[in-house]
């Protein structure tokens, strides 16, 4: 009967993994598979649980870093605001961090902007490069000539 419980646990964990796609429960499904195999060989429940725990932890710590690198190394297209990083914008209102003012125009929209260097002031009509996004503000730097 314990084999049935392990099989149900495997199915539940795999379904959760399919739904979330977060590489979280698949390692425990692997540990449950080890325990399921041991239960089919009529090994004691204590050893099944030990195999489940040890197998899950070994899979988690040994293969998860590799799997994350593999899946995150695939080229992903930037969407929404992330697609602005690296683009050129035009300053429409002087950027002055200490006074909390500044705007840029990019992709047909006006954005609040701040200079990457705190002490830097960027005048109107200057071309800037978008470095990053913090909340709803674009962090920019003067575009290098040439």
N, C-alpha and C. Protein backbone atom coordinates (compact mmCIF):
# COMPACT_ATOMS: atom_id res chain seq x y z
N UNK A 1 0.81 -1.20 0.00
CA UNK A 1 0.00 0.00 0.00
C UNK A 1 0.86 1.27 0.00
N UNK A 2 2.08 1.22 0.61
CA UNK A 2 2.90 2.42 0.65
C UNK A 2 3.37 2.82 -0.75
N UNK A 3 3.48 1.86 -1.65
CA UNK A 3 3.86 2.18 -3.03
C UNK A 3 2.82 3.11 -3.67
N UNK A 4 1.56 2.86 -3.35
CA UNK A 4 0.48 3.70 -3.89
C UNK A 4 0.62 5.14 -3.39
N UNK A 5 0.96 5.32 -2.13
CA UNK A 5 1.13 6.67 -1.58
C UNK A 5 2.29 7.40 -2.27
N UNK A 6 3.39 6.69 -2.50
CA UNK A 6 4.53 7.31 -3.17
C UNK A 6 4.16 7.68 -4.61
N UNK A 7 3.42 6.82 -5.27
CA UNK A 7 3.00 7.09 -6.64
C UNK A 7 2.09 8.33 -6.69
N UNK A 8 1.17 8.42 -5.76
CA UNK A 8 0.28 9.59 -5.69
C UNK A 8 1.10 10.85 -5.43
N UNK A 9 2.08 10.76 -4.53
CA UNK A 9 2.93 11.92 -4.22
C UNK A 9 3.72 12.34 -5.46
N UNK A 10 4.24 11.38 -6.21
CA UNK A 10 4.98 11.70 -7.45
C UNK A 10 4.07 12.46 -8.41
N UNK A 11 2.87 11.96 -8.61
CA UNK A 11 1.93 12.58 -9.54
C UNK A 11 1.58 14.00 -9.09
N UNK A 12 1.29 14.17 -7.82
CA UNK A 12 0.95 15.50 -7.29
C UNK A 12 2.11 16.47 -7.47
N UNK A 13 3.32 16.04 -7.15
CA UNK A 13 4.49 16.91 -7.27
C UNK A 13 4.78 17.28 -8.73
N UNK A 14 4.62 16.32 -9.63
CA UNK A 14 4.85 16.61 -11.05
C UNK A 14 3.78 17.57 -11.58
N UNK A 15 2.54 17.38 -11.17
CA UNK A 15 1.47 18.30 -11.59
C UNK A 15 1.74 19.71 -11.08
N UNK A 16 2.16 19.84 -9.84
CA UNK A 16 2.49 21.15 -9.28
C UNK A 16 3.63 21.78 -10.08
N UNK A 17 4.63 20.98 -10.43
CA UNK A 17 5.76 21.49 -11.22
C UNK A 17 5.30 21.96 -12.59
N UNK A 18 4.42 21.21 -13.22
CA UNK A 18 3.90 21.60 -14.54
C UNK A 18 3.13 22.91 -14.45
N UNK A 19 2.36 23.07 -13.39
CA UNK A 19 1.56 24.28 -13.23
C UNK A 19 2.44 25.49 -12.95
N UNK A 20 3.43 25.34 -12.08
CA UNK A 20 4.24 26.49 -11.66
C UNK A 20 5.46 26.74 -12.54
N UNK A 21 6.02 25.73 -13.13
CA UNK A 21 7.24 25.85 -13.94
C UNK A 21 8.36 26.57 -13.20
N UNK A 22 8.44 26.36 -11.90
CA UNK A 22 9.42 27.08 -11.11
C UNK A 22 10.62 26.27 -10.67
N UNK A 23 10.76 25.05 -11.16
CA UNK A 23 11.83 24.16 -10.73
C UNK A 23 11.90 24.08 -9.21
N UNK A 24 10.77 23.78 -8.60
CA UNK A 24 10.74 23.68 -7.14
C UNK A 24 10.38 22.28 -6.67
N UNK A 25 9.36 21.69 -7.22
CA UNK A 25 8.90 20.40 -6.70
C UNK A 25 9.44 19.20 -7.46
N UNK A 26 10.09 19.43 -8.59
CA UNK A 26 10.56 18.30 -9.39
C UNK A 26 11.62 17.49 -8.65
N UNK A 27 12.40 18.15 -7.81
CA UNK A 27 13.45 17.46 -7.06
C UNK A 27 12.83 16.52 -6.03
N UNK A 28 11.73 16.93 -5.44
CA UNK A 28 11.05 16.09 -4.46
C UNK A 28 10.32 14.94 -5.15
N UNK A 29 9.88 15.19 -6.38
CA UNK A 29 9.28 14.10 -7.16
C UNK A 29 10.34 13.04 -7.44
N UNK A 30 11.58 13.46 -7.68
CA UNK A 30 12.68 12.50 -7.87
C UNK A 30 12.94 11.70 -6.61
N UNK A 31 12.90 12.35 -5.46
CA UNK A 31 13.07 11.63 -4.18
C UNK A 31 11.92 10.67 -3.95
N UNK A 32 10.70 11.08 -4.30
CA UNK A 32 9.54 10.20 -4.16
C UNK A 32 9.65 9.01 -5.10
N UNK A 33 10.22 9.22 -6.27
CA UNK A 33 10.43 8.11 -7.20
C UNK A 33 11.39 7.08 -6.61
N UNK A 34 12.45 7.55 -5.97
CA UNK A 34 13.39 6.64 -5.31
C UNK A 34 12.67 5.83 -4.22
N UNK A 35 11.87 6.51 -3.43
CA UNK A 35 11.13 5.83 -2.36
C UNK A 35 10.12 4.86 -2.95
N UNK A 36 9.49 5.23 -4.06
CA UNK A 36 8.52 4.35 -4.73
C UNK A 36 9.21 3.06 -5.18
N UNK A 37 10.38 3.20 -5.78
CA UNK A 37 11.13 2.01 -6.23
C UNK A 37 11.48 1.12 -5.04
N UNK A 38 11.92 1.73 -3.95
CA UNK A 38 12.24 0.94 -2.74
C UNK A 38 11.01 0.26 -2.17
N UNK A 39 9.86 0.95 -2.24
CA UNK A 39 8.64 0.32 -1.72
C UNK A 39 8.22 -0.86 -2.59
N UNK A 40 8.48 -0.79 -3.88
CA UNK A 40 8.19 -1.92 -4.77
C UNK A 40 9.11 -3.11 -4.46
N UNK A 41 10.28 -2.83 -3.91
CA UNK A 41 11.22 -3.88 -3.52
C UNK A 41 11.00 -4.34 -2.07
N UNK A 42 9.92 -3.84 -1.45
CA UNK A 42 9.51 -4.21 -0.09
C UNK A 42 10.56 -3.85 0.96
N UNK A 43 11.18 -2.68 0.78
CA UNK A 43 12.12 -2.16 1.76
C UNK A 43 11.30 -1.47 2.85
N UNK A 44 11.83 -1.41 4.06
CA UNK A 44 11.08 -0.86 5.19
C UNK A 44 10.71 0.61 4.95
N UNK A 45 9.57 1.04 5.50
CA UNK A 45 9.14 2.44 5.33
C UNK A 45 10.15 3.47 5.85
N UNK A 46 10.90 3.12 6.88
CA UNK A 46 11.90 4.04 7.41
C UNK A 46 12.97 4.31 6.35
N UNK A 47 13.42 3.28 5.68
CA UNK A 47 14.42 3.46 4.62
C UNK A 47 13.82 4.18 3.41
N UNK A 48 12.53 3.97 3.15
CA UNK A 48 11.87 4.67 2.06
C UNK A 48 11.88 6.19 2.33
N UNK A 49 11.53 6.55 3.58
CA UNK A 49 11.52 7.96 3.96
C UNK A 49 12.93 8.53 3.92
N UNK A 50 13.90 7.76 4.36
CA UNK A 50 15.29 8.22 4.33
C UNK A 50 15.73 8.44 2.88
N UNK A 51 15.36 7.54 1.99
CA UNK A 51 15.71 7.68 0.57
C UNK A 51 15.01 8.90 -0.03
N UNK A 52 13.74 9.10 0.35
CA UNK A 52 13.00 10.26 -0.13
C UNK A 52 13.70 11.56 0.28
N UNK A 53 14.03 11.68 1.55
CA UNK A 53 14.67 12.90 2.06
C UNK A 53 16.06 13.10 1.46
N UNK A 54 16.87 12.05 1.51
CA UNK A 54 18.23 12.17 0.99
C UNK A 54 18.23 12.40 -0.52
N UNK A 55 17.43 11.64 -1.23
CA UNK A 55 17.36 11.78 -2.68
C UNK A 55 16.89 13.16 -3.10
N UNK A 56 15.88 13.67 -2.42
CA UNK A 56 15.36 15.01 -2.74
C UNK A 56 16.42 16.07 -2.52
N UNK A 57 17.11 15.99 -1.37
CA UNK A 57 18.12 16.99 -1.07
C UNK A 57 19.32 16.91 -2.02
N UNK A 58 19.73 15.68 -2.33
CA UNK A 58 20.85 15.53 -3.27
C UNK A 58 20.48 16.09 -4.64
N UNK A 59 19.29 15.75 -5.13
CA UNK A 59 18.85 16.28 -6.42
C UNK A 59 18.73 17.80 -6.38
N UNK A 60 18.20 18.31 -5.28
CA UNK A 60 18.00 19.75 -5.14
C UNK A 60 19.34 20.49 -5.20
N UNK A 61 20.30 20.08 -4.41
CA UNK A 61 21.55 20.81 -4.31
C UNK A 61 22.54 20.48 -5.42
N UNK A 62 22.45 19.29 -5.99
CA UNK A 62 23.42 18.90 -7.02
C UNK A 62 22.99 19.32 -8.43
N UNK A 63 21.71 19.30 -8.71
CA UNK A 63 21.29 19.56 -10.09
C UNK A 63 20.54 20.88 -10.29
N UNK A 64 19.99 21.46 -9.25
CA UNK A 64 19.21 22.69 -9.42
C UNK A 64 20.05 23.84 -9.96
N UNK A 65 21.27 24.08 -9.44
CA UNK A 65 22.07 25.19 -10.00
C UNK A 65 22.32 25.00 -11.50
N UNK A 66 22.63 23.78 -11.91
CA UNK A 66 22.86 23.51 -13.32
C UNK A 66 21.58 23.76 -14.13
N UNK A 67 20.46 23.28 -13.62
CA UNK A 67 19.19 23.44 -14.34
C UNK A 67 18.80 24.91 -14.45
N UNK A 68 19.01 25.68 -13.41
CA UNK A 68 18.69 27.11 -13.46
C UNK A 68 19.57 27.82 -14.48
N UNK A 69 20.86 27.47 -14.52
CA UNK A 69 21.76 28.06 -15.51
C UNK A 69 21.31 27.71 -16.92
N UNK A 70 20.94 26.46 -17.12
CA UNK A 70 20.53 26.00 -18.45
C UNK A 70 19.27 26.73 -18.92
N UNK A 71 18.28 26.79 -18.05
CA UNK A 71 17.01 27.40 -18.44
C UNK A 71 17.09 28.91 -18.53
N UNK A 72 17.93 29.55 -17.70
CA UNK A 72 18.03 31.01 -17.76
C UNK A 72 18.99 31.46 -18.85
N UNK A 73 19.82 30.56 -19.39
CA UNK A 73 20.75 30.95 -20.44
C UNK A 73 20.06 31.03 -21.80
N UNK A 74 18.87 30.49 -21.89
CA UNK A 74 18.14 30.59 -23.15
C UNK A 74 17.79 32.04 -23.40
N UNK A 75 17.88 32.46 -24.64
CA UNK A 75 17.61 33.86 -25.00
C UNK A 75 16.15 34.18 -24.74
N UNK A 76 15.91 35.16 -23.90
CA UNK A 76 14.55 35.59 -23.60
C UNK A 76 14.36 37.00 -24.11
N UNK A 77 13.26 37.23 -24.75
CA UNK A 77 12.98 38.55 -25.29
C UNK A 77 12.50 39.46 -24.17
N UNK A 78 13.09 40.65 -24.12
CA UNK A 78 12.68 41.62 -23.11
C UNK A 78 11.31 42.16 -23.49
N UNK A 79 10.49 42.36 -22.48
CA UNK A 79 9.16 42.88 -22.73
C UNK A 79 8.90 44.10 -21.87
N UNK A 80 7.90 44.86 -22.26
CA UNK A 80 7.45 46.02 -21.51
C UNK A 80 8.59 46.98 -21.19
N UNK A 81 8.70 47.37 -19.96
CA UNK A 81 9.65 48.40 -19.57
C UNK A 81 11.10 47.89 -19.67
N UNK A 82 11.33 46.59 -19.53
CA UNK A 82 12.69 46.06 -19.64
C UNK A 82 13.27 46.28 -21.04
N UNK A 83 12.40 46.40 -22.03
CA UNK A 83 12.88 46.60 -23.40
C UNK A 83 13.46 48.00 -23.59
N UNK A 84 13.23 48.91 -22.66
CA UNK A 84 13.77 50.27 -22.77
C UNK A 84 15.26 50.35 -22.42
N UNK A 85 15.74 49.41 -21.63
CA UNK A 85 17.14 49.46 -21.19
C UNK A 85 18.06 49.36 -22.39
N UNK A 86 18.99 50.31 -22.47
CA UNK A 86 19.93 50.37 -23.57
C UNK A 86 19.48 51.28 -24.71
N UNK A 87 18.23 51.72 -24.70
CA UNK A 87 17.72 52.59 -25.76
C UNK A 87 18.14 54.04 -25.51
N UNK A 88 18.05 54.80 -26.59
CA UNK A 88 18.37 56.23 -26.52
C UNK A 88 17.09 57.02 -26.30
N UNK A 89 17.16 58.00 -25.42
CA UNK A 89 16.03 58.88 -25.14
C UNK A 89 16.52 60.32 -25.25
N UNK A 90 15.57 61.25 -25.34
CA UNK A 90 15.90 62.67 -25.41
C UNK A 90 15.35 63.34 -24.16
N UNK A 91 16.19 64.14 -23.51
CA UNK A 91 15.78 64.83 -22.29
C UNK A 91 14.82 65.95 -22.67
N UNK A 92 13.62 65.95 -22.07
CA UNK A 92 12.62 66.99 -22.36
C UNK A 92 12.51 68.01 -21.23
N UNK A 93 13.03 67.69 -20.07
CA UNK A 93 13.10 68.64 -18.94
C UNK A 93 14.40 68.33 -18.21
N UNK A 94 15.18 69.37 -17.92
CA UNK A 94 16.49 69.18 -17.28
C UNK A 94 16.42 68.14 -16.17
N UNK A 95 17.41 67.25 -16.16
CA UNK A 95 17.47 66.21 -15.12
C UNK A 95 18.39 66.72 -14.02
N UNK A 96 17.82 66.82 -12.82
CA UNK A 96 18.56 67.28 -11.65
C UNK A 96 18.11 66.43 -10.47
N UNK A 97 18.93 65.47 -10.09
CA UNK A 97 18.56 64.51 -9.04
C UNK A 97 18.28 65.18 -7.70
N UNK A 98 19.13 66.11 -7.31
CA UNK A 98 18.97 66.72 -5.99
C UNK A 98 17.67 67.51 -5.87
N UNK A 99 17.20 68.05 -6.97
CA UNK A 99 15.93 68.78 -6.97
C UNK A 99 14.76 67.87 -7.31
N UNK A 100 15.04 66.62 -7.66
CA UNK A 100 13.99 65.64 -7.95
C UNK A 100 13.21 65.93 -9.21
N UNK A 101 13.91 66.42 -10.23
CA UNK A 101 13.18 66.71 -11.47
C UNK A 101 13.94 66.15 -12.67
N UNK A 102 13.20 65.97 -13.75
CA UNK A 102 13.78 65.50 -15.00
C UNK A 102 12.82 64.59 -15.73
N UNK A 103 12.83 64.72 -17.07
CA UNK A 103 11.98 63.89 -17.91
C UNK A 103 12.71 63.56 -19.20
N UNK A 104 12.37 62.39 -19.75
CA UNK A 104 12.89 62.00 -21.05
C UNK A 104 11.75 61.51 -21.93
N UNK A 105 11.99 61.52 -23.23
CA UNK A 105 11.00 61.06 -24.20
C UNK A 105 11.60 59.87 -24.94
N UNK A 106 10.90 58.74 -24.90
CA UNK A 106 11.36 57.54 -25.59
C UNK A 106 10.14 56.72 -26.01
N UNK A 107 10.19 56.14 -27.19
CA UNK A 107 9.11 55.29 -27.71
C UNK A 107 7.74 55.97 -27.66
N UNK A 108 7.72 57.27 -27.91
CA UNK A 108 6.45 57.99 -27.93
C UNK A 108 5.87 58.32 -26.57
N UNK A 109 6.63 58.08 -25.50
CA UNK A 109 6.14 58.36 -24.14
C UNK A 109 7.13 59.23 -23.38
N UNK A 110 6.61 60.03 -22.48
CA UNK A 110 7.44 60.84 -21.59
C UNK A 110 7.54 60.11 -20.25
N UNK A 111 8.77 59.98 -19.78
CA UNK A 111 9.05 59.28 -18.52
C UNK A 111 9.77 60.22 -17.55
N UNK A 112 9.53 60.02 -16.26
CA UNK A 112 10.34 60.68 -15.24
C UNK A 112 11.71 60.03 -15.29
N UNK A 113 12.74 60.85 -15.19
CA UNK A 113 14.10 60.31 -15.30
C UNK A 113 15.01 60.90 -14.24
N UNK A 114 16.02 60.12 -13.90
CA UNK A 114 17.07 60.55 -12.97
C UNK A 114 18.40 60.16 -13.58
N UNK A 115 19.44 60.96 -13.27
CA UNK A 115 20.78 60.67 -13.76
C UNK A 115 21.38 59.52 -12.97
N UNK A 116 22.22 58.75 -13.66
CA UNK A 116 22.86 57.61 -13.00
C UNK A 116 23.79 58.09 -11.89
N UNK A 117 24.54 59.15 -12.16
CA UNK A 117 25.40 59.73 -11.12
C UNK A 117 24.63 60.81 -10.39
N UNK A 118 24.58 60.74 -9.11
CA UNK A 118 23.75 61.61 -8.27
C UNK A 118 24.05 63.09 -8.49
N UNK A 119 25.32 63.44 -8.64
CA UNK A 119 25.70 64.85 -8.73
C UNK A 119 25.57 65.43 -10.14
N UNK A 120 25.28 64.59 -11.11
CA UNK A 120 25.23 65.04 -12.51
C UNK A 120 23.91 65.73 -12.84
N UNK A 121 24.00 66.80 -13.62
CA UNK A 121 22.83 67.49 -14.16
C UNK A 121 22.88 67.33 -15.68
N UNK A 122 21.76 66.94 -16.27
CA UNK A 122 21.71 66.73 -17.71
C UNK A 122 20.71 67.72 -18.30
N UNK A 123 21.18 68.58 -19.21
CA UNK A 123 20.30 69.62 -19.77
C UNK A 123 19.30 69.09 -20.79
N UNK A 124 18.27 69.88 -21.02
CA UNK A 124 17.22 69.57 -21.98
C UNK A 124 17.83 69.37 -23.38
N UNK A 125 17.21 68.50 -24.18
CA UNK A 125 17.60 68.18 -25.56
C UNK A 125 18.86 67.34 -25.67
N UNK A 126 19.39 66.84 -24.56
CA UNK A 126 20.55 65.94 -24.58
C UNK A 126 20.08 64.53 -24.85
N UNK A 127 20.85 63.80 -25.66
CA UNK A 127 20.53 62.38 -25.86
C UNK A 127 21.16 61.59 -24.72
N UNK A 128 20.37 60.69 -24.15
CA UNK A 128 20.83 59.87 -23.03
C UNK A 128 20.55 58.40 -23.33
N UNK A 129 21.27 57.55 -22.62
CA UNK A 129 21.06 56.11 -22.73
C UNK A 129 20.39 55.63 -21.45
N UNK A 130 19.37 54.80 -21.60
CA UNK A 130 18.65 54.28 -20.43
C UNK A 130 19.46 53.13 -19.86
N UNK A 131 19.84 53.26 -18.58
CA UNK A 131 20.69 52.29 -17.92
C UNK A 131 19.88 51.23 -17.18
N UNK A 132 18.84 51.69 -16.48
CA UNK A 132 17.99 50.76 -15.73
C UNK A 132 16.67 51.46 -15.39
N UNK A 133 15.78 50.69 -14.79
CA UNK A 133 14.48 51.21 -14.38
C UNK A 133 14.35 50.99 -12.88
N UNK A 134 13.98 52.04 -12.16
CA UNK A 134 13.73 51.93 -10.72
C UNK A 134 12.32 52.44 -10.47
N UNK A 135 11.42 51.53 -10.20
CA UNK A 135 10.02 51.89 -10.02
C UNK A 135 9.46 52.40 -11.33
N UNK A 136 9.04 53.68 -11.36
CA UNK A 136 8.51 54.27 -12.59
C UNK A 136 9.48 55.32 -13.15
N UNK A 137 10.72 55.31 -12.68
CA UNK A 137 11.72 56.26 -13.15
C UNK A 137 12.77 55.54 -13.98
N UNK A 138 13.16 56.22 -15.07
CA UNK A 138 14.26 55.71 -15.88
C UNK A 138 15.56 56.31 -15.37
N UNK A 139 16.56 55.48 -15.16
CA UNK A 139 17.87 55.95 -14.75
C UNK A 139 18.71 56.02 -16.02
N UNK A 140 19.26 57.22 -16.29
CA UNK A 140 19.92 57.46 -17.57
C UNK A 140 21.33 58.00 -17.37
N UNK A 141 22.10 57.92 -18.45
CA UNK A 141 23.42 58.56 -18.49
C UNK A 141 23.57 59.21 -19.85
N UNK A 142 24.43 60.24 -19.91
CA UNK A 142 24.66 60.92 -21.18
C UNK A 142 25.17 59.92 -22.19
N UNK A 143 24.65 60.01 -23.39
CA UNK A 143 25.07 59.12 -24.46
C UNK A 143 26.45 59.53 -24.90
N UNK A 144 27.34 58.53 -25.02
CA UNK A 144 28.71 58.80 -25.43
C UNK A 144 28.75 59.17 -26.90
N UNK A 145 29.55 60.16 -27.23
CA UNK A 145 29.68 60.63 -28.61
C UNK A 145 30.41 59.57 -29.44
N UNK A 146 30.02 59.43 -30.71
CA UNK A 146 30.70 58.54 -31.65
C UNK A 146 30.41 57.15 -31.36
